[in-house]
Structure formats: structure tokens, C-alpha cells
C-alpha atoms as a PDB file:
ATOM      1  CA  MET A   1      11.252 -11.521  13.614  1.00  0.00           C
ATOM      2  CA  ILE A   2      12.563 -14.919  13.646  1.00  0.00           C
ATOM      3  CA  LYS A   3       8.820 -16.428  12.730  1.00  0.00           C
ATOM      4  CA  LEU A   4       8.964 -13.650   9.255  1.00  0.00           C
ATOM      5  CA  LYS A   5      12.881 -15.281   8.817  1.00  0.00           C
ATOM      6  CA  ARG A   6      11.680 -19.183   8.968  1.00  0.00           C
ATOM      7  CA  LEU A   7       8.816 -17.683   6.840  1.00  0.00           C
ATOM      8  CA  ILE A   8      10.594 -16.575   4.031  1.00  0.00           C
ATOM      9  CA  ILE A   9      12.943 -19.586   3.826  1.00  0.00           C
ATOM     10  CA  LEU A  10      10.845 -21.614   3.216  1.00  0.00           C
ATOM     11  CA  ILE A  11       9.209 -19.882   0.885  1.00  0.00           C
ATOM     12  CA  CYS A  12      12.129 -19.258  -0.878  1.00  0.00           C
ATOM     13  CA  ILE A  13      12.556 -23.418  -0.540  1.00  0.00           C
ATOM     14  CA  PHE A  14       8.998 -22.990  -2.111  1.00  0.00           C
ATOM     15  CA  PHE A  15       9.850 -21.236  -4.978  1.00  0.00           C
ATOM     16  CA  SER A  16      12.934 -22.314  -5.654  1.00  0.00           C
ATOM     17  CA  LEU A  17      10.847 -26.201  -6.494  1.00  0.00           C
ATOM     18  CA  ALA A  18       8.061 -23.802  -8.266  1.00  0.00           C
ATOM     19  CA  ASN A  19      10.877 -22.447 -10.615  1.00  0.00           C
ATOM     20  CA  TYR A  20      10.464 -25.436 -12.959  1.00  0.00           C
ATOM     21  CA  CYS A  21       7.013 -25.576 -12.776  1.00  0.00           C
ATOM     22  CA  TYR A  22       6.995 -21.952 -13.658  1.00  0.00           C
ATOM     23  CA  SER A  23       8.364 -22.001 -17.101  1.00  0.00           C
ATOM     24  CA  LYS A  24       5.825 -24.815 -17.262  1.00  0.00           C
ATOM     25  CA  ILE A  25       2.983 -22.564 -17.095  1.00  0.00           C
ATOM     26  CA  GLU A  26       0.052 -22.567 -19.497  1.00  0.00           C
ATOM     27  CA  LEU A  27       0.674 -19.030 -21.764  1.00  0.00           C
ATOM     28  CA  LYS A  28      -3.128 -17.945 -22.196  1.00  0.00           C
ATOM     29  CA  ILE A  29      -4.646 -14.707 -22.568  1.00  0.00           C
ATOM     30  CA  ILE A  30      -6.660 -13.428 -19.108  1.00  0.00           C
ATOM     31  CA  MET A  31      -7.541 -10.204 -19.582  1.00  0.00           C
ATOM     32  CA  LYS A  32      -7.951  -7.550 -21.584  1.00  0.00           C
ATOM     33  CA  ILE A  33      -7.336  -3.680 -21.136  1.00  0.00           C
ATOM     34  CA  ASP A  34      -7.836  -1.491 -24.241  1.00  0.00           C
ATOM     35  CA  ASN A  35      -6.075  -3.037 -26.406  1.00  0.00           C
ATOM     36  CA  GLU A  36      -3.468  -4.008 -24.564  1.00  0.00           C
ATOM     37  CA  ILE A  37      -3.681  -8.206 -23.078  1.00  0.00           C
ATOM     38  CA  ILE A  38      -2.457  -9.455 -19.714  1.00  0.00           C
ATOM     39  CA  THR A  39      -1.282 -13.047 -20.167  1.00  0.00           C
ATOM     40  CA  SER A  40      -1.313 -15.870 -17.419  1.00  0.00           C
ATOM     41  CA  LEU A  41       2.458 -15.598 -17.105  1.00  0.00           C
ATOM     42  CA  ASP A  42       1.976 -11.574 -16.535  1.00  0.00           C
ATOM     43  CA  VAL A  43      -0.095 -12.826 -13.273  1.00  0.00           C
ATOM     44  CA  GLU A  44       1.804 -15.082 -12.015  1.00  0.00           C
ATOM     45  CA  LYS A  45       4.802 -12.427 -12.219  1.00  0.00           C
ATOM     46  CA  GLU A  46       3.150  -9.908 -10.695  1.00  0.00           C
ATOM     47  CA  ILE A  47       2.325 -12.928  -7.551  1.00  0.00           C
ATOM     48  CA  ASN A  48       4.887 -13.897  -6.813  1.00  0.00           C
ATOM     49  CA  TYR A  49       6.398 -10.344  -6.314  1.00  0.00           C
ATOM     50  CA  LEU A  50       3.234  -9.561  -4.223  1.00  0.00           C
ATOM     51  CA  ILE A  51       4.912 -12.688  -2.088  1.00  0.00           C
ATOM     52  CA  ALA A  52       8.024 -11.291  -2.177  1.00  0.00           C
ATOM     53  CA  LEU A  53       7.007  -7.909  -0.672  1.00  0.00           C
ATOM     54  CA  ASN A  54       4.619  -9.922   1.874  1.00  0.00           C
ATOM     55  CA  PRO A  55       5.814 -13.238   2.552  1.00  0.00           C
ATOM     56  CA  LYS A  56       2.124 -13.654   4.600  1.00  0.00           C
ATOM     57  CA  LEU A  57       0.393 -13.724   0.969  1.00  0.00           C
ATOM     58  CA  SER A  58       1.893 -17.229   0.433  1.00  0.00           C
ATOM     59  CA  GLN A  59      -0.523 -18.593   3.137  1.00  0.00           C
ATOM     60  CA  ILE A  60      -3.888 -17.471   1.655  1.00  0.00           C
ATOM     61  CA  ASP A  61      -6.227 -19.119  -0.722  1.00  0.00           C
ATOM     62  CA  ARG A  62      -4.658 -19.382  -4.378  1.00  0.00           C
ATOM     63  CA  ASN A  63      -7.896 -17.440  -5.729  1.00  0.00           C
ATOM     64  CA  GLU A  64      -8.040 -14.835  -3.462  1.00  0.00           C
ATOM     65  CA  LEU A  65      -3.945 -14.335  -4.525  1.00  0.00           C
ATOM     66  CA  LEU A  66      -5.389 -14.664  -8.399  1.00  0.00           C
ATOM     67  CA  PHE A  67      -8.296 -11.964  -7.560  1.00  0.00           C
ATOM     68  CA  ILE A  68      -5.186  -9.240  -5.314  1.00  0.00           C
ATOM     69  CA  ALA A  69      -2.305 -10.543  -8.363  1.00  0.00           C
ATOM     70  CA  LYS A  70      -5.669  -9.347 -11.141  1.00  0.00           C
ATOM     71  CA  LYS A  71      -6.213  -6.117  -9.309  1.00  0.00           C
ATOM     72  CA  SER A  72      -2.732  -4.967  -8.763  1.00  0.00           C
ATOM     73  CA  THR A  73      -1.796  -5.937 -12.079  1.00  0.00           C
ATOM     74  CA  ILE A  74      -4.529  -3.721 -13.752  1.00  0.00           C
ATOM     75  CA  LYS A  75      -3.503  -0.990 -11.217  1.00  0.00           C
ATOM     76  CA  GLU A  76      -0.310  -0.977 -12.579  1.00  0.00           C
ATOM     77  CA  PHE A  77      -0.917  -0.854 -16.329  1.00  0.00           C
ATOM     78  CA  ILE A  78      -3.460   1.772 -16.003  1.00  0.00           C
ATOM     79  CA  LYS A  79      -0.884   3.701 -13.854  1.00  0.00           C
ATOM     80  CA  LYS A  80       1.879   2.803 -17.231  1.00  0.00           C
ATOM     81  CA  LYS A  81      -0.113   3.883 -19.334  1.00  0.00           C
ATOM     82  CA  GLU A  82      -1.346   7.015 -18.304  1.00  0.00           C
ATOM     83  CA  ILE A  83       2.107   8.459 -17.252  1.00  0.00           C
ATOM     84  CA  GLN A  84       3.684   7.267 -20.749  1.00  0.00           C
ATOM     85  CA  LYS A  85       1.113   9.767 -22.196  1.00  0.00           C
ATOM     86  CA  TYR A  86       3.783  12.128 -20.495  1.00  0.00           C
ATOM     87  CA  LYS A  87       6.913  11.326 -20.346  1.00  0.00           C
ATOM     88  CA  GLU A  88       9.226   7.628 -20.399  1.00  0.00           C
ATOM     89  CA  LEU A  89      10.310   5.490 -17.363  1.00  0.00           C
ATOM     90  CA  ASN A  90      13.701   6.150 -16.358  1.00  0.00           C
ATOM     91  CA  LEU A  91      14.804   3.677 -14.592  1.00  0.00           C
ATOM     92  CA  GLN A  92      18.299   5.517 -13.536  1.00  0.00           C
ATOM     93  CA  ASN A  93      16.343   7.325 -11.098  1.00  0.00           C
ATOM     94  CA  PRO A  94      17.703   8.137  -7.700  1.00  0.00           C
ATOM     95  CA  GLN A  95      14.290   7.509  -5.829  1.00  0.00           C
ATOM     96  CA  ILE A  96      14.586   3.948  -6.950  1.00  0.00           C
ATOM     97  CA  ASN A  97      17.396   2.888  -4.680  1.00  0.00           C
ATOM     98  CA  ASP A  98      15.980   4.822  -1.144  1.00  0.00           C
ATOM     99  CA  VAL A  99      12.763   2.198  -1.874  1.00  0.00           C
ATOM    100  CA  LEU A 100      14.676  -0.568  -3.335  1.00  0.00           C
ATOM    101  CA  ASN A 101      16.886  -0.049   0.358  1.00  0.00           C
ATOM    102  CA  ASN A 102      13.527   0.415   2.201  1.00  0.00           C
ATOM    103  CA  LEU A 103      11.987  -2.541   1.083  1.00  0.00           C
ATOM    104  CA  ILE A 104      15.580  -4.266   1.654  1.00  0.00           C
ATOM    105  CA  LYS A 105      15.773  -3.204   5.132  1.00  0.00           C
ATOM    106  CA  ASN A 106      11.431  -4.018   5.439  1.00  0.00           C
ATOM    107  CA  LEU A 107      12.524  -7.411   4.928  1.00  0.00           C
ATOM    108  CA  ASN A 108      15.306  -8.167   7.200  1.00  0.00           C
ATOM    109  CA  LEU A 109      18.365  -8.045   4.993  1.00  0.00           C
ATOM    110  CA  THR A 110      21.032  -6.419   5.075  1.00  0.00           C
ATOM    111  CA  ASN A 111      22.775  -5.457   1.744  1.00  0.00           C
ATOM    112  CA  GLU A 112      21.330  -5.182  -1.813  1.00  0.00           C
ATOM    113  CA  LYS A 113      23.129  -8.637  -2.851  1.00  0.00           C
ATOM    114  CA  GLN A 114      21.539 -10.548  -0.585  1.00  0.00           C
ATOM    115  CA  PHE A 115      18.406  -8.921  -1.423  1.00  0.00           C
ATOM    116  CA  LYS A 116      18.999  -9.824  -5.206  1.00  0.00           C
ATOM    117  CA  ASP A 117      19.692 -13.734  -3.766  1.00  0.00           C
ATOM    118  CA  TYR A 118      15.887 -13.194  -2.175  1.00  0.00           C
ATOM    119  CA  ILE A 119      14.054 -11.803  -5.214  1.00  0.00           C
ATOM    120  CA  LYS A 120      15.609 -14.159  -7.606  1.00  0.00           C
ATOM    121  CA  ASN A 121      13.346 -17.417  -5.921  1.00  0.00           C
ATOM    122  CA  PHE A 122      10.583 -15.826  -6.453  1.00  0.00           C
ATOM    123  CA  ASN A 123      11.816 -15.595 -10.953  1.00  0.00           C
ATOM    124  CA  LEU A 124      12.405 -11.039 -10.162  1.00  0.00           C
ATOM    125  CA  SER A 125      15.119  -9.499 -11.010  1.00  0.00           C
ATOM    126  CA  ILE A 126      16.424  -6.263  -9.774  1.00  0.00           C
ATOM    127  CA  GLU A 127      15.618  -4.588 -13.063  1.00  0.00           C
ATOM    128  CA  ASP A 128      11.798  -5.603 -12.688  1.00  0.00           C
ATOM    129  CA  LEU A 129      11.644  -4.150  -9.091  1.00  0.00           C
ATOM    130  CA  LYS A 130      12.949  -0.916 -10.376  1.00  0.00           C
ATOM    131  CA  ARG A 131      10.483  -0.970 -13.177  1.00  0.00           C
ATOM    132  CA  LYS A 132       7.368  -1.211 -10.439  1.00  0.00           C
ATOM    133  CA  ILE A 133       8.801   1.777  -7.932  1.00  0.00           C
ATOM    134  CA  GLU A 134       9.978   3.991 -11.074  1.00  0.00           C
ATOM    135  CA  ILE A 135       5.910   3.443 -12.124  1.00  0.00           C
ATOM    136  CA  GLU A 136       4.559   4.227  -8.461  1.00  0.00           C
ATOM    137  CA  ASN A 137       7.311   7.490  -8.642  1.00  0.00           C
ATOM    138  CA  GLU A 138       5.684   9.314 -11.819  1.00  0.00           C
ATOM    139  CA  TRP A 139       2.663   8.399 -10.476  1.00  0.00           C
ATOM    140  CA  LYS A 140       2.814  10.311  -7.758  1.00  0.00           C
ATOM    141  CA  ASN A 141       4.523  13.294  -9.465  1.00  0.00           C
ATOM    142  CA  LEU A 142       1.556  13.552 -11.750  1.00  0.00           C
ATOM    143  CA  ILE A 143      -0.643  13.407  -9.203  1.00  0.00           C
ATOM    144  CA  TYR A 144       1.193  16.077  -7.625  1.00  0.00           C
ATOM    145  CA  SER A 145       1.423  18.566 -10.635  1.00  0.00           C
ATOM    146  CA  ARG A 146      -1.959  17.429 -11.473  1.00  0.00           C
ATOM    147  CA  TYR A 147      -3.658  18.587  -8.096  1.00  0.00           C
ATOM    148  CA  ILE A 148      -0.998  20.243  -5.770  1.00  0.00           C
ATOM    149  CA  LYS A 149      -2.700  23.586  -6.277  1.00  0.00           C
ATOM    150  CA  SER A 150      -6.460  22.260  -5.310  1.00  0.00           C
ATOM    151  CA  VAL A 151      -4.992  21.246  -1.957  1.00  0.00           C
ATOM    152  CA  LYS A 152      -6.287  23.058   0.604  1.00  0.00           C
ATOM    153  CA  ILE A 153      -4.159  23.274   3.990  1.00  0.00           C
ATOM    154  CA  ASP A 154      -5.670  25.212   6.840  1.00  0.00           C
ATOM    155  CA  LYS A 155      -2.454  26.136   8.550  1.00  0.00           C
ATOM    156  CA  GLU A 156      -4.166  27.862  11.645  1.00  0.00           C
ATOM    157  CA  GLU A 157      -6.307  24.551  12.291  1.00  0.00           C
ATOM    158  CA  LEU A 158      -2.573  23.189  12.481  1.00  0.00           C
ATOM    159  CA  LYS A 159      -1.322  26.244  14.781  1.00  0.00           C
ATOM    160  CA  LYS A 160      -3.998  25.635  17.114  1.00  0.00           C
ATOM    161  CA  LYS A 161      -3.037  21.602  17.709  1.00  0.00           C
ATOM    162  CA  ILE A 162       0.608  22.598  17.745  1.00  0.00           C
ATOM    163  CA  LYS A 163       0.064  25.104  20.463  1.00  0.00           C
ATOM    164  CA  LYS A 164      -2.431  22.454  22.015  1.00  0.00           C
ATOM    165  CA  ASN A 165       0.823  20.005  22.325  1.00  0.00           C
ATOM    166  CA  SER A 166       3.535  22.822  22.905  1.00  0.00           C
ATOM    167  CA  ASN A 167       3.492  21.921  26.665  1.00  0.00           C
ATOM    168  CA  GLU A 168       3.572  18.077  26.494  1.00  0.00           C
ATOM    169  CA  LYS A 169       6.665  16.312  26.841  1.00  0.00           C
ATOM    170  CA  PHE A 170       5.208  13.398  25.903  1.00  0.00           C
ATOM    171  CA  LEU A 171       3.531  12.390  23.184  1.00  0.00           C
ATOM    172  CA  GLU A 172       1.303   9.446  21.669  1.00  0.00           C
ATOM    173  CA  GLU A 173       2.318   7.530  18.372  1.00  0.00           C
ATOM    174  CA  TYR A 174       0.344   4.962  16.773  1.00  0.00           C
ATOM    175  CA  ASN A 175       2.165   2.332  14.455  1.00  0.00           C
ATOM    176  CA  LEU A 176      -0.704   1.659  11.941  1.00  0.00           C
ATOM    177  CA  SER A 177      -2.179   0.030   9.011  1.00  0.00           C
ATOM    178  CA  GLU A 178      -5.344   0.835   7.104  1.00  0.00           C
ATOM    179  CA  ILE A 179      -7.984  -1.080   4.921  1.00  0.00           C
ATOM    180  CA  VAL A 180      -9.648   1.011   2.639  1.00  0.00           C
ATOM    181  CA  PHE A 181     -12.547   0.395   0.439  1.00  0.00           C
ATOM    182  CA  THR A 182     -16.066   2.125  -1.555  1.00  0.00           C
ATOM    183  CA  LYS A 183     -19.000   0.859  -0.756  1.00  0.00           C
ATOM    184  CA  LYS A 184     -21.596   0.108  -3.662  1.00  0.00           C
ATOM    185  CA  ASN A 185     -25.229  -0.001  -3.582  1.00  0.00           C
ATOM    186  CA  ASP A 186     -26.216  -2.907  -3.607  1.00  0.00           C
ATOM    187  CA  ILE A 187     -24.788  -3.831  -0.165  1.00  0.00           C
ATOM    188  CA  THR A 188     -24.755  -2.273   2.917  1.00  0.00           C
ATOM    189  CA  LEU A 189     -21.857  -0.835   5.251  1.00  0.00           C
ATOM    190  CA  ASP A 190     -22.382  -2.781   7.866  1.00  0.00           C
ATOM    191  CA  GLU A 191     -22.850  -6.156   5.017  1.00  0.00           C
ATOM    192  CA  LEU A 192     -19.457  -4.982   3.434  1.00  0.00           C
ATOM    193  CA  PHE A 193     -17.810  -5.118   6.746  1.00  0.00           C
ATOM    194  CA  LYS A 194     -18.590  -8.329   7.697  1.00  0.00           C
ATOM    195  CA  VAL A 195     -17.176  -9.670   5.293  1.00  0.00           C
ATOM    196  CA  ILE A 196     -14.011  -7.794   5.749  1.00  0.00           C
ATOM    197  CA  GLN A 197     -14.331  -9.017   9.749  1.00  0.00           C
ATOM    198  CA  GLU A 198     -14.328 -12.456   8.195  1.00  0.00           C
ATOM    199  CA  SER A 199     -11.088 -12.346   6.390  1.00  0.00           C
ATOM    200  CA  ILE A 200      -9.559 -10.705   9.062  1.00  0.00           C
ATOM    201  CA  GLN A 201     -10.332 -13.845  11.170  1.00  0.00           C
ATOM    202  CA  ILE A 202      -9.553 -16.155   8.475  1.00  0.00           C
ATOM    203  CA  ASN A 203      -6.399 -14.115   6.575  1.00  0.00           C
ATOM    204  CA  GLY A 204      -4.963 -12.102   9.313  1.00  0.00           C
ATOM    205  CA  PHE A 205      -5.574  -8.007   8.560  1.00  0.00           C
ATOM    206  CA  GLU A 206      -2.409  -7.786   6.102  1.00  0.00           C
ATOM    207  CA  ASN A 207      -3.653 -10.465   4.070  1.00  0.00           C
ATOM    208  CA  THR A 208      -7.098  -8.872   4.061  1.00  0.00           C
ATOM    209  CA  ALA A 209      -5.610  -5.588   3.238  1.00  0.00           C
ATOM    210  CA  ASN A 210      -3.988  -7.113   0.043  1.00  0.00           C
ATOM    211  CA  ILE A 211      -7.257  -8.010  -1.014  1.00  0.00           C
ATOM    212  CA  TYR A 212      -9.862  -5.523  -0.297  1.00  0.00           C
ATOM    213  CA  SER A 213      -7.714  -1.992  -0.165  1.00  0.00           C
ATOM    214  CA  ILE A 214      -8.145  -0.471  -2.709  1.00  0.00           C
ATOM    215  CA  SER A 215      -4.719   1.792  -0.938  1.00  0.00           C
ATOM    216  CA  ASP A 216      -1.596   1.735  -2.475  1.00  0.00           C
ATOM    217  CA  SER A 217      -0.278   0.348   1.185  1.00  0.00           C
ATOM    218  CA  SER A 218      -2.224  -2.442   0.405  1.00  0.00           C
ATOM    219  CA  LYS A 219       0.984  -4.311  -1.964  1.00  0.00           C
ATOM    220  CA  VAL A 220       2.762  -4.642   1.861  1.00  0.00           C
ATOM    221  CA  GLY A 221      -0.246  -5.898   3.476  1.00  0.00           C
ATOM    222  CA  GLY A 222      -1.782  -2.202   4.567  1.00  0.00           C
ATOM    223  CA  LYS A 223       0.814  -0.890   6.822  1.00  0.00           C
ATOM    224  CA  ILE A 224       1.723   2.729   6.838  1.00  0.00           C
ATOM    225  CA  GLY A 225       4.032   3.320   9.939  1.00  0.00           C
ATOM    226  CA  TRP A 226       4.356   5.215  12.836  1.00  0.00           C
ATOM    227  CA  VAL A 227       1.509   7.865  12.801  1.00  0.00           C
ATOM    228  CA  ARG A 228       2.226  10.290  15.508  1.00  0.00           C
ATOM    229  CA  LYS A 229      -1.417  11.227  17.683  1.00  0.00           C
ATOM    230  CA  ASP A 230      -1.530  15.020  16.682  1.00  0.00           C
ATOM    231  CA  SER A 231      -0.981  14.829  13.038  1.00  0.00           C
ATOM    232  CA  LEU A 232      -4.431  12.193  12.703  1.00  0.00           C
ATOM    233  CA  SER A 233      -8.247  14.141  12.658  1.00  0.00           C
ATOM    234  CA  ASP A 234     -10.015  14.522  15.845  1.00  0.00           C
ATOM    235  CA  GLN A 235     -12.353  11.784  14.289  1.00  0.00           C
ATOM    236  CA  ILE A 236      -9.392   9.136  13.534  1.00  0.00           C
ATOM    237  CA  ILE A 237      -8.438   9.801  17.337  1.00  0.00           C
ATOM    238  CA  LEU A 238     -12.144   9.587  18.726  1.00  0.00           C
ATOM    239  CA  ASN A 239     -12.436   5.734  16.940  1.00  0.00           C
ATOM    240  CA  LEU A 240      -8.402   5.073  17.857  1.00  0.00           C
ATOM    241  CA  LYS A 241      -8.590   5.885  21.761  1.00  0.00           C
ATOM    242  CA  ASP A 242     -10.206   3.094  23.067  1.00  0.00           C
ATOM    243  CA  LEU A 243      -8.216   0.240  20.414  1.00  0.00           C
ATOM    244  CA  LYS A 244      -4.888  -1.359  22.603  1.00  0.00           C
ATOM    245  CA  ASN A 245      -2.890  -3.351  20.496  1.00  0.00           C
ATOM    246  CA  SER A 246      -3.843  -5.267  17.818  1.00  0.00           C
ATOM    247  CA  ASP A 247      -7.118  -4.202  17.789  1.00  0.00           C
ATOM    248  CA  TYR A 248      -8.765  -2.893  14.486  1.00  0.00           C
ATOM    249  CA  SER A 249     -11.275   0.261  14.489  1.00  0.00           C
ATOM    250  CA  SER A 250     -14.810   0.399  12.876  1.00  0.00           C
ATOM    251  CA  PRO A 251     -15.211   1.396   9.303  1.00  0.00           C
ATOM    252  CA  ILE A 252     -14.524   5.687   9.539  1.00  0.00           C
ATOM    253  CA  GLN A 253     -16.008   7.078   6.326  1.00  0.00           C
ATOM    254  CA  ILE A 254     -13.299   9.725   4.860  1.00  0.00           C
ATOM    255  CA  ASN A 255     -14.885  11.454   1.930  1.00  0.00           C
ATOM    256  CA  ASN A 256     -16.446   8.381  -0.356  1.00  0.00           C
ATOM    257  CA  ASN A 257     -14.070   6.104   1.241  1.00  0.00           C
ATOM    258  CA  PHE A 258     -13.828   3.649   4.736  1.00  0.00           C
ATOM    259  CA  PHE A 259     -10.974   3.337   6.648  1.00  0.00           C
ATOM    260  CA  VAL A 260     -10.175   0.429   8.866  1.00  0.00           C
ATOM    261  CA  PHE A 261      -7.118   1.349  10.692  1.00  0.00           C
ATOM    262  CA  LYS A 262      -5.595  -1.162  12.753  1.00  0.00           C
ATOM    263  CA  ILE A 263      -3.311  -0.535  15.722  1.00  0.00           C
ATOM    264  CA  ASN A 264      -0.298  -2.433  15.612  1.00  0.00           C
ATOM    265  CA  GLU A 265       1.866  -0.790  18.397  1.00  0.00           C
ATOM    266  CA  ILE A 266       1.398   2.412  20.296  1.00  0.00           C
ATOM    267  CA  ARG A 267       4.511   4.262  22.294  1.00  0.00           C
ATOM    268  CA  LYS A 268       5.137   7.953  23.553  1.00  0.00           C
ATOM    269  CA  ILE A 269       8.259  10.048  22.903  1.00  0.00           C
ATOM    270  CA  GLN A 270      10.221  12.628  24.412  1.00  0.00           C
ATOM    271  CA  VAL A 271       9.460  15.465  22.195  1.00  0.00           C
ATOM    272  CA  GLU A 272      11.278  19.039  22.066  1.00  0.00           C
ATOM    273  CA  ILE A 273       8.800  21.398  19.783  1.00  0.00           C
ATOM    274  CA  ASP A 274       9.766  23.535  17.565  1.00  0.00           C
ATOM    275  CA  LYS A 275       6.835  25.135  15.912  1.00  0.00           C
ATOM    276  CA  LYS A 276       8.265  26.567  12.654  1.00  0.00           C
ATOM    277  CA  LYS A 277       9.627  22.636  12.103  1.00  0.00           C
ATOM    278  CA  GLU A 278       6.475  21.051  13.475  1.00  0.00           C
ATOM    279  CA  LEU A 279       3.791  23.515  10.918  1.00  0.00           C
ATOM    280  CA  ASP A 280       6.269  21.819   7.966  1.00  0.00           C
ATOM    281  CA  LYS A 281       5.931  18.451   8.902  1.00  0.00           C
ATOM    282  CA  MET A 282       2.256  18.704   9.598  1.00  0.00           C
ATOM    283  CA  ILE A 283       1.669  20.532   6.076  1.00  0.00           C
ATOM    284  CA  ILE A 284       3.408  17.896   4.264  1.00  0.00           C
ATOM    285  CA  VAL A 285       1.389  14.824   6.058  1.00  0.00           C
ATOM    286  CA  GLU A 286      -2.129  17.022   5.286  1.00  0.00           C
ATOM    287  CA  THR A 287      -0.934  17.727   1.850  1.00  0.00           C
ATOM    288  CA  SER A 288       0.281  13.763   1.460  1.00  0.00           C
ATOM    289  CA  LYS A 289      -2.682  12.897   2.451  1.00  0.00           C
ATOM    290  CA  GLN A 290      -5.123  15.144   0.177  1.00  0.00           C
ATOM    291  CA  LEU A 291      -2.288  13.694  -2.939  1.00  0.00           C
ATOM    292  CA  ASP A 292      -3.430  10.335  -2.191  1.00  0.00           C
ATOM    293  CA  LYS A 293      -7.366  11.024  -1.950  1.00  0.00           C
ATOM    294  CA  PHE A 294      -7.086  13.021  -5.202  1.00  0.00           C
ATOM    295  CA  SER A 295      -4.880  10.149  -6.692  1.00  0.00           C
ATOM    296  CA  ASN A 296      -7.199   7.695  -5.926  1.00  0.00           C
ATOM    297  CA  ILE A 297     -10.020   9.758  -7.793  1.00  0.00           C
ATOM    298  CA  PHE A 298      -8.258  10.146 -10.615  1.00  0.00           C
ATOM    299  CA  TYR A 299      -7.400   6.945 -11.055  1.00  0.00           C
ATOM    300  CA  ASN A 300     -10.213   5.133 -10.864  1.00  0.00           C
ATOM    301  CA  LYS A 301     -12.140   7.644 -13.184  1.00  0.00           C
ATOM    302  CA  ILE A 302      -8.904   6.930 -15.892  1.00  0.00           C
ATOM    303  CA  LYS A 303     -10.353   2.941 -15.140  1.00  0.00           C
ATOM    304  CA  LEU A 304     -13.959   3.660 -15.458  1.00  0.00           C
ATOM    305  CA  ASN A 305     -12.877   4.784 -19.160  1.00  0.00           C
ATOM    306  CA  SER A 306     -10.588   2.048 -19.239  1.00  0.00           C
ATOM    307  CA  LYS A 307     -12.167  -1.040 -21.248  1.00  0.00           C
ATOM    308  CA  ILE A 308     -11.311  -3.859 -19.058  1.00  0.00           C
ATOM    309  CA  SER A 309     -12.699  -8.113 -19.911  1.00  0.00           C
ATOM    310  CA  GLU A 310     -11.892 -10.993 -18.490  1.00  0.00           C
ATOM    311  CA  PHE A 311     -11.259 -14.514 -19.688  1.00  0.00           C
END
């Protein structure tokens, strides 16, 4: 925690000095998505946002940082454009404050005033963040409305898991991070995983997630948080069972994507299982997993049909 705070302080000093340069960045067109342009200022602002969320990103190569920011900018633009076909963004959405409070907590800050002062060092305002949060919220709502009827939950299988754990007094939990990627036909899985492994060795797992992961968790270094072992599939459990803290798995294929999981920490928690509540929780987790899968499919479909040009 002390190291993170020191890093944040150093970054804030760096960006305070850089504010003068920020105003002098050459304004030029970086990309064009359909008929809309993305400028150098848009990309620089995204870099500031990503570093504000994940200070360790400031340590990676500038070209890789630009690559991450461009990828993130494209994703946000495409999501926003799709959302606005159906509704306008609402920055007064009460869900926004819940997400902001989580960000404040993750950055080891204590209140919104501290947070506003912190992001000000990155040339960001609270309205900038609210807009980004609302885009993600409305994207999730859009995915839910389109795909909730396609979600298939095997309740009997979940009940079997609950029954298996009902006599256990302690259950394992993993604090996980992830890198999610797809494989193109012109490269083998081994070759692609070797590239990711080399990046992990040079940049660390979090920054590699920012560079290569297609999951929305990439913006926070691939962090998922605490996950109960019994909520994971047998396939994932099998790949994690021999790993220790700071180890990461080999690629695990789930549908058309590949997942690399890192174990940040393992703990055992004492539980008294209420079977009905447990089933409800597991249904929520499984529903979320399937909706995330549909989200990636839908986004990639829109992206494929978008005309993206880089200059």
C-alpha cells in the first residue's frame, strides 16, 4: 500500500509538471471511426485516465501506452455510438456514485474531495469520469436487454455444487486477475502465449492485461477480485489447483476466447451455507459470466462493421 501511495505521489508530480506540455500537444487526427474523428488530444486524455485508474501503467513503454489508449478510445467510442441509438447518457444516474466510491477505495483515497484533487493532476474532471462510467453502465444495460433471454442456467448442476459444499465449514477463495485474448489464424496459441509471457516478465501482469486483454477488466490491470472456488468451472479449478500466490495459469479456452488467470492471494473463509441464498448468488455469477461473453461477441461484431482508419 505504501509503495502504491508513493507511486501515485510521483505520478501526480509528473503530471503537474506535464500540464504545461499538455496544452501544447500538437492537435492532429489520429484515427477516424466511420465519419467521426479521434484526435491526439482524445488519446492523450485517455492515457491520463488509464494511468489515473492504474498508476503502474506509467512505467511501461510510451508506444505500448499509446496502443492501449487507442484500443480503449475505440472501444468507448463504439459503445457510446451504439448506446446513443437508443437513449441519451444520464450523468445523474445514482449507480455512477457507487462506481466512483469503489474507485476512491481502490486508490486508497478517503473521500470525493481527495479524489477530485487526485484526478485534477491528470487534467480530468469528475464529469469526465462520470461520462465514462455511464457509458459502461448503459452498455451493460444494453447487453442485458438484448441477451438475457439467451442466458442458460443449469440450476441442477449448481445445486449439486452447493450440496457438495454444504458440509464444508471452510471454503477457498481466490483473489484473481485475468488476461483474456483471442487467437488469429496466422499465429499459434504457443507463439501468442510466449509473447504474453515475455510481456508479463518485462511489464508485469497488470500492464500486460492493459496491453493484450480484450476484457473490460483490462482498464484496472485485469483485476477481478475475490472469487469463491465453488463458483468457478471445473475446467478453471483444474488449471488453478497447483498454483500459488503470484502464479498465473496457462491459457484456458472458454468458447472462442483464451483466459490466463493470475492468483494474487488465496484464503479460506468460514461459511454457513443457506442453500437458497447460495443458489441465488451462483445464478447471478453465472448470468454475469454469460452476459460478458455476449458483450464481447456483440462488441466485436459492431467493430467489424465499423470503418476504422489510423493516420
